[in-house]
């Protein structure tokens, strides 16, 4: 099983490259991503989080399960909602569990990309799913949720990792 990369690993801060081949290797990678995510009770996982610098993520949240290859996120409703957010790649060094903090995110988004076979797909999302899509899309750009926090709060979390 693939290991979840944690803060300090350069792959998490490097923008991911587009996926070019929709082949058996990609399908196996997506399956491995779901396996890694479920093993740690996650709700979303991006390629860089398992050391694969490719633009794809998987999710299973709020009754919606899927994956997105080469996603392009568009904000539909810019009104921000504040909610607790954590990350498998930002664990507390003593407990190994994600560290949570309140993060403001757009209320509604649309993600367009491709499925594992290269077929176009488009998903509109609100609430928890919209939050997940924004969080995972930022991983693909080399960003972490702590980057959205005030510096003092971000520093407190980073000291715990």
C-alpha atoms as a PDB file:
ATOM      1  CA  UNK A   1       0.000   0.000   0.000  1.00  0.00           C
ATOM      2  CA  UNK A   2       1.170   3.514  -0.750  1.00  0.00           C
ATOM      3  CA  UNK A   3       2.316   5.631   2.176  1.00  0.00           C
ATOM      4  CA  UNK A   4       0.753   9.028   2.884  1.00  0.00           C
ATOM      5  CA  UNK A   5       3.383  11.756   2.549  1.00  0.00           C
ATOM      6  CA  UNK A   6       3.517  14.320   5.341  1.00  0.00           C
ATOM      7  CA  UNK A   7       4.534  17.937   5.779  1.00  0.00           C
ATOM      8  CA  UNK A   8       8.208  18.361   4.980  1.00  0.00           C
ATOM      9  CA  UNK A   9       8.104  16.092   1.919  1.00  0.00           C
ATOM     10  CA  UNK A  10       8.905  18.295  -1.110  1.00  0.00           C
ATOM     11  CA  UNK A  11       6.294  16.550  -3.300  1.00  0.00           C
ATOM     12  CA  UNK A  12       3.563  18.262  -1.255  1.00  0.00           C
ATOM     13  CA  UNK A  13       4.896  21.710  -2.183  1.00  0.00           C
ATOM     14  CA  UNK A  14       5.502  20.994  -5.872  1.00  0.00           C
ATOM     15  CA  UNK A  15       2.769  21.706  -8.436  1.00  0.00           C
ATOM     16  CA  UNK A  16       1.676  18.396  -9.970  1.00  0.00           C
ATOM     17  CA  UNK A  17       2.014  17.548 -13.654  1.00  0.00           C
ATOM     18  CA  UNK A  18      -0.980  16.728 -15.851  1.00  0.00           C
ATOM     19  CA  UNK A  19      -1.869  13.079 -16.398  1.00  0.00           C
ATOM     20  CA  UNK A  20      -1.159  12.166 -20.010  1.00  0.00           C
ATOM     21  CA  UNK A  21      -1.954   8.468 -20.279  1.00  0.00           C
ATOM     22  CA  UNK A  22      -5.346   6.940 -19.521  1.00  0.00           C
ATOM     23  CA  UNK A  23      -4.144   3.381 -19.265  1.00  0.00           C
ATOM     24  CA  UNK A  24      -4.017   0.373 -16.952  1.00  0.00           C
ATOM     25  CA  UNK A  25      -1.324   2.077 -14.840  1.00  0.00           C
ATOM     26  CA  UNK A  26      -3.627   5.053 -14.158  1.00  0.00           C
ATOM     27  CA  UNK A  27      -6.531   2.778 -13.241  1.00  0.00           C
ATOM     28  CA  UNK A  28      -4.283   0.848 -10.835  1.00  0.00           C
ATOM     29  CA  UNK A  29      -3.042   4.130  -9.314  1.00  0.00           C
ATOM     30  CA  UNK A  30      -6.616   5.328  -8.708  1.00  0.00           C
ATOM     31  CA  UNK A  31      -7.471   2.015  -7.026  1.00  0.00           C
ATOM     32  CA  UNK A  32      -4.347   2.311  -4.840  1.00  0.00           C
ATOM     33  CA  UNK A  33      -5.322   5.863  -3.897  1.00  0.00           C
ATOM     34  CA  UNK A  34      -8.748   4.704  -2.711  1.00  0.00           C
ATOM     35  CA  UNK A  35      -7.089   1.904  -0.740  1.00  0.00           C
ATOM     36  CA  UNK A  36      -4.633   4.330   0.928  1.00  0.00           C
ATOM     37  CA  UNK A  37      -7.428   6.821   1.705  1.00  0.00           C
ATOM     38  CA  UNK A  38      -9.718   4.203   3.240  1.00  0.00           C
ATOM     39  CA  UNK A  39      -6.867   2.706   5.298  1.00  0.00           C
ATOM     40  CA  UNK A  40      -6.621   5.973   7.252  1.00  0.00           C
ATOM     41  CA  UNK A  41     -10.336   6.899   7.197  1.00  0.00           C
ATOM     42  CA  UNK A  42      -9.822   9.810   4.820  1.00  0.00           C
ATOM     43  CA  UNK A  43     -12.465  11.455   2.645  1.00  0.00           C
ATOM     44  CA  UNK A  44     -10.166  12.735  -0.117  1.00  0.00           C
ATOM     45  CA  UNK A  45      -6.651  12.096  -1.375  1.00  0.00           C
ATOM     46  CA  UNK A  46      -4.571  13.793  -4.081  1.00  0.00           C
ATOM     47  CA  UNK A  47      -1.745  12.239  -6.095  1.00  0.00           C
ATOM     48  CA  UNK A  48       1.043  14.201  -4.370  1.00  0.00           C
ATOM     49  CA  UNK A  49      -0.114  12.873  -0.995  1.00  0.00           C
ATOM     50  CA  UNK A  50       1.114   9.422  -2.004  1.00  0.00           C
ATOM     51  CA  UNK A  51       4.244  10.763  -3.702  1.00  0.00           C
ATOM     52  CA  UNK A  52       2.809  10.843  -7.237  1.00  0.00           C
ATOM     53  CA  UNK A  53       3.136  14.336  -8.679  1.00  0.00           C
ATOM     54  CA  UNK A  54       0.191  13.983 -11.058  1.00  0.00           C
ATOM     55  CA  UNK A  55      -3.028  15.986 -11.250  1.00  0.00           C
ATOM     56  CA  UNK A  56      -5.643  13.598  -9.908  1.00  0.00           C
ATOM     57  CA  UNK A  57      -7.613  13.009  -6.735  1.00  0.00           C
ATOM     58  CA  UNK A  58     -10.113  10.574  -5.256  1.00  0.00           C
ATOM     59  CA  UNK A  59     -12.953  11.290  -2.832  1.00  0.00           C
ATOM     60  CA  UNK A  60     -15.679   9.622  -0.815  1.00  0.00           C
ATOM     61  CA  UNK A  61     -17.655  12.150   1.213  1.00  0.00           C
ATOM     62  CA  UNK A  62     -21.281  13.023   1.922  1.00  0.00           C
ATOM     63  CA  UNK A  63     -22.528  10.005  -0.002  1.00  0.00           C
ATOM     64  CA  UNK A  64     -20.546  10.939  -3.125  1.00  0.00           C
ATOM     65  CA  UNK A  65     -17.629   8.800  -4.292  1.00  0.00           C
ATOM     66  CA  UNK A  66     -15.423   9.333  -7.312  1.00  0.00           C
ATOM     67  CA  UNK A  67     -12.187  10.473  -8.792  1.00  0.00           C
ATOM     68  CA  UNK A  68     -11.087  13.317 -11.029  1.00  0.00           C
ATOM     69  CA  UNK A  69      -8.146  13.378 -13.439  1.00  0.00           C
ATOM     70  CA  UNK A  70      -6.675  16.720 -14.555  1.00  0.00           C
ATOM     71  CA  UNK A  71      -9.328  18.666 -12.625  1.00  0.00           C
ATOM     72  CA  UNK A  72     -10.144  22.291 -13.285  1.00  0.00           C
ATOM     73  CA  UNK A  73     -12.030  23.917 -10.413  1.00  0.00           C
ATOM     74  CA  UNK A  74     -14.375  26.875 -10.891  1.00  0.00           C
ATOM     75  CA  UNK A  75     -16.007  28.758  -8.024  1.00  0.00           C
ATOM     76  CA  UNK A  76     -19.771  29.026  -8.562  1.00  0.00           C
ATOM     77  CA  UNK A  77     -20.700  30.586  -5.221  1.00  0.00           C
ATOM     78  CA  UNK A  78     -17.915  32.733  -3.739  1.00  0.00           C
ATOM     79  CA  UNK A  79     -19.756  33.204  -0.437  1.00  0.00           C
ATOM     80  CA  UNK A  80     -17.383  31.649   2.069  1.00  0.00           C
ATOM     81  CA  UNK A  81     -18.317  29.045   4.650  1.00  0.00           C
ATOM     82  CA  UNK A  82     -16.114  28.511   7.701  1.00  0.00           C
ATOM     83  CA  UNK A  83     -15.686  24.928   8.883  1.00  0.00           C
ATOM     84  CA  UNK A  84     -13.151  22.627  10.525  1.00  0.00           C
ATOM     85  CA  UNK A  85     -10.673  21.129   8.103  1.00  0.00           C
ATOM     86  CA  UNK A  86      -7.786  18.725   8.508  1.00  0.00           C
ATOM     87  CA  UNK A  87      -5.386  16.890   6.256  1.00  0.00           C
ATOM     88  CA  UNK A  88      -3.872  13.414   6.184  1.00  0.00           C
ATOM     89  CA  UNK A  89      -0.558  15.058   5.229  1.00  0.00           C
ATOM     90  CA  UNK A  90      -0.599  17.365   8.271  1.00  0.00           C
ATOM     91  CA  UNK A  91      -0.696  14.915  11.199  1.00  0.00           C
ATOM     92  CA  UNK A  92       0.087  15.572  14.842  1.00  0.00           C
ATOM     93  CA  UNK A  93       3.517  13.998  15.375  1.00  0.00           C
ATOM     94  CA  UNK A  94       2.457  12.458  18.697  1.00  0.00           C
ATOM     95  CA  UNK A  95      -0.920  10.988  17.736  1.00  0.00           C
ATOM     96  CA  UNK A  96      -0.551  10.623  13.972  1.00  0.00           C
ATOM     97  CA  UNK A  97      -4.048  12.046  13.481  1.00  0.00           C
ATOM     98  CA  UNK A  98      -4.863  15.064  11.314  1.00  0.00           C
ATOM     99  CA  UNK A  99      -4.772  18.481  12.975  1.00  0.00           C
ATOM    100  CA  UNK A 100      -7.986  20.456  12.426  1.00  0.00           C
ATOM    101  CA  UNK A 101      -8.536  24.194  12.136  1.00  0.00           C
ATOM    102  CA  UNK A 102     -11.354  26.435  10.876  1.00  0.00           C
ATOM    103  CA  UNK A 103     -10.857  27.240   7.188  1.00  0.00           C
ATOM    104  CA  UNK A 104     -12.970  29.497   4.960  1.00  0.00           C
ATOM    105  CA  UNK A 105     -13.880  28.009   1.574  1.00  0.00           C
ATOM    106  CA  UNK A 106     -16.221  28.940  -1.267  1.00  0.00           C
ATOM    107  CA  UNK A 107     -19.713  27.510  -0.774  1.00  0.00           C
ATOM    108  CA  UNK A 108     -20.147  26.135  -4.288  1.00  0.00           C
ATOM    109  CA  UNK A 109     -17.792  24.880  -6.988  1.00  0.00           C
ATOM    110  CA  UNK A 110     -17.742  22.939 -10.234  1.00  0.00           C
ATOM    111  CA  UNK A 111     -14.911  20.573 -11.109  1.00  0.00           C
ATOM    112  CA  UNK A 112     -14.331  19.507 -14.688  1.00  0.00           C
ATOM    113  CA  UNK A 113     -11.842  16.867 -15.743  1.00  0.00           C
ATOM    114  CA  UNK A 114     -11.731  13.244 -16.817  1.00  0.00           C
ATOM    115  CA  UNK A 115     -12.491   9.820 -15.430  1.00  0.00           C
ATOM    116  CA  UNK A 116     -10.053   6.881 -15.399  1.00  0.00           C
ATOM    117  CA  UNK A 117     -10.872   6.086 -19.037  1.00  0.00           C
ATOM    118  CA  UNK A 118     -10.348   9.626 -20.303  1.00  0.00           C
ATOM    119  CA  UNK A 119     -14.035  10.467 -20.585  1.00  0.00           C
ATOM    120  CA  UNK A 120     -14.932  14.073 -19.689  1.00  0.00           C
ATOM    121  CA  UNK A 121     -16.803  14.589 -16.434  1.00  0.00           C
ATOM    122  CA  UNK A 122     -18.240  17.559 -14.613  1.00  0.00           C
ATOM    123  CA  UNK A 123     -19.333  17.638 -10.968  1.00  0.00           C
ATOM    124  CA  UNK A 124     -21.125  20.516  -9.238  1.00  0.00           C
ATOM    125  CA  UNK A 125     -20.675  20.579  -5.476  1.00  0.00           C
ATOM    126  CA  UNK A 126     -21.766  22.444  -2.375  1.00  0.00           C
ATOM    127  CA  UNK A 127     -21.007  21.993   1.314  1.00  0.00           C
ATOM    128  CA  UNK A 128     -18.584  19.253   2.367  1.00  0.00           C
ATOM    129  CA  UNK A 129     -18.028  18.012  -1.178  1.00  0.00           C
ATOM    130  CA  UNK A 130     -17.178  21.530  -2.391  1.00  0.00           C
ATOM    131  CA  UNK A 131     -14.735  21.877   0.526  1.00  0.00           C
ATOM    132  CA  UNK A 132     -13.132  18.539  -0.342  1.00  0.00           C
ATOM    133  CA  UNK A 133     -12.736  19.489  -4.027  1.00  0.00           C
ATOM    134  CA  UNK A 134     -11.079  22.781  -3.099  1.00  0.00           C
ATOM    135  CA  UNK A 135      -8.771  21.100  -0.576  1.00  0.00           C
ATOM    136  CA  UNK A 136      -7.665  18.360  -3.004  1.00  0.00           C
ATOM    137  CA  UNK A 137      -7.271  20.815  -5.907  1.00  0.00           C
ATOM    138  CA  UNK A 138      -4.931  22.928  -3.777  1.00  0.00           C
ATOM    139  CA  UNK A 139      -2.769  19.847  -3.149  1.00  0.00           C
ATOM    140  CA  UNK A 140      -2.307  19.641  -6.919  1.00  0.00           C
ATOM    141  CA  UNK A 141      -0.943  23.203  -6.872  1.00  0.00           C
ATOM    142  CA  UNK A 142       1.533  22.466  -4.060  1.00  0.00           C
ATOM    143  CA  UNK A 143      -0.562  24.107  -1.346  1.00  0.00           C
ATOM    144  CA  UNK A 144      -1.798  22.896   2.044  1.00  0.00           C
ATOM    145  CA  UNK A 145      -4.834  24.016   4.040  1.00  0.00           C
ATOM    146  CA  UNK A 146      -2.523  25.637   6.634  1.00  0.00           C
ATOM    147  CA  UNK A 147      -1.520  28.160   3.937  1.00  0.00           C
ATOM    148  CA  UNK A 148      -5.043  29.627   4.230  1.00  0.00           C
ATOM    149  CA  UNK A 149      -4.751  30.212   7.972  1.00  0.00           C
ATOM    150  CA  UNK A 150      -3.452  33.298   9.780  1.00  0.00           C
ATOM    151  CA  UNK A 151       0.324  32.966  10.215  1.00  0.00           C
ATOM    152  CA  UNK A 152       0.105  32.534  13.995  1.00  0.00           C
ATOM    153  CA  UNK A 153      -2.400  29.672  13.662  1.00  0.00           C
ATOM    154  CA  UNK A 154      -0.405  28.066  10.862  1.00  0.00           C
ATOM    155  CA  UNK A 155       2.781  28.205  12.959  1.00  0.00           C
ATOM    156  CA  UNK A 156       1.021  26.545  15.923  1.00  0.00           C
ATOM    157  CA  UNK A 157      -0.069  23.668  13.716  1.00  0.00           C
ATOM    158  CA  UNK A 158       3.317  23.289  12.044  1.00  0.00           C
ATOM    159  CA  UNK A 159       4.993  23.052  15.460  1.00  0.00           C
ATOM    160  CA  UNK A 160       2.806  20.010  16.192  1.00  0.00           C
ATOM    161  CA  UNK A 161       3.755  18.161  12.995  1.00  0.00           C
END
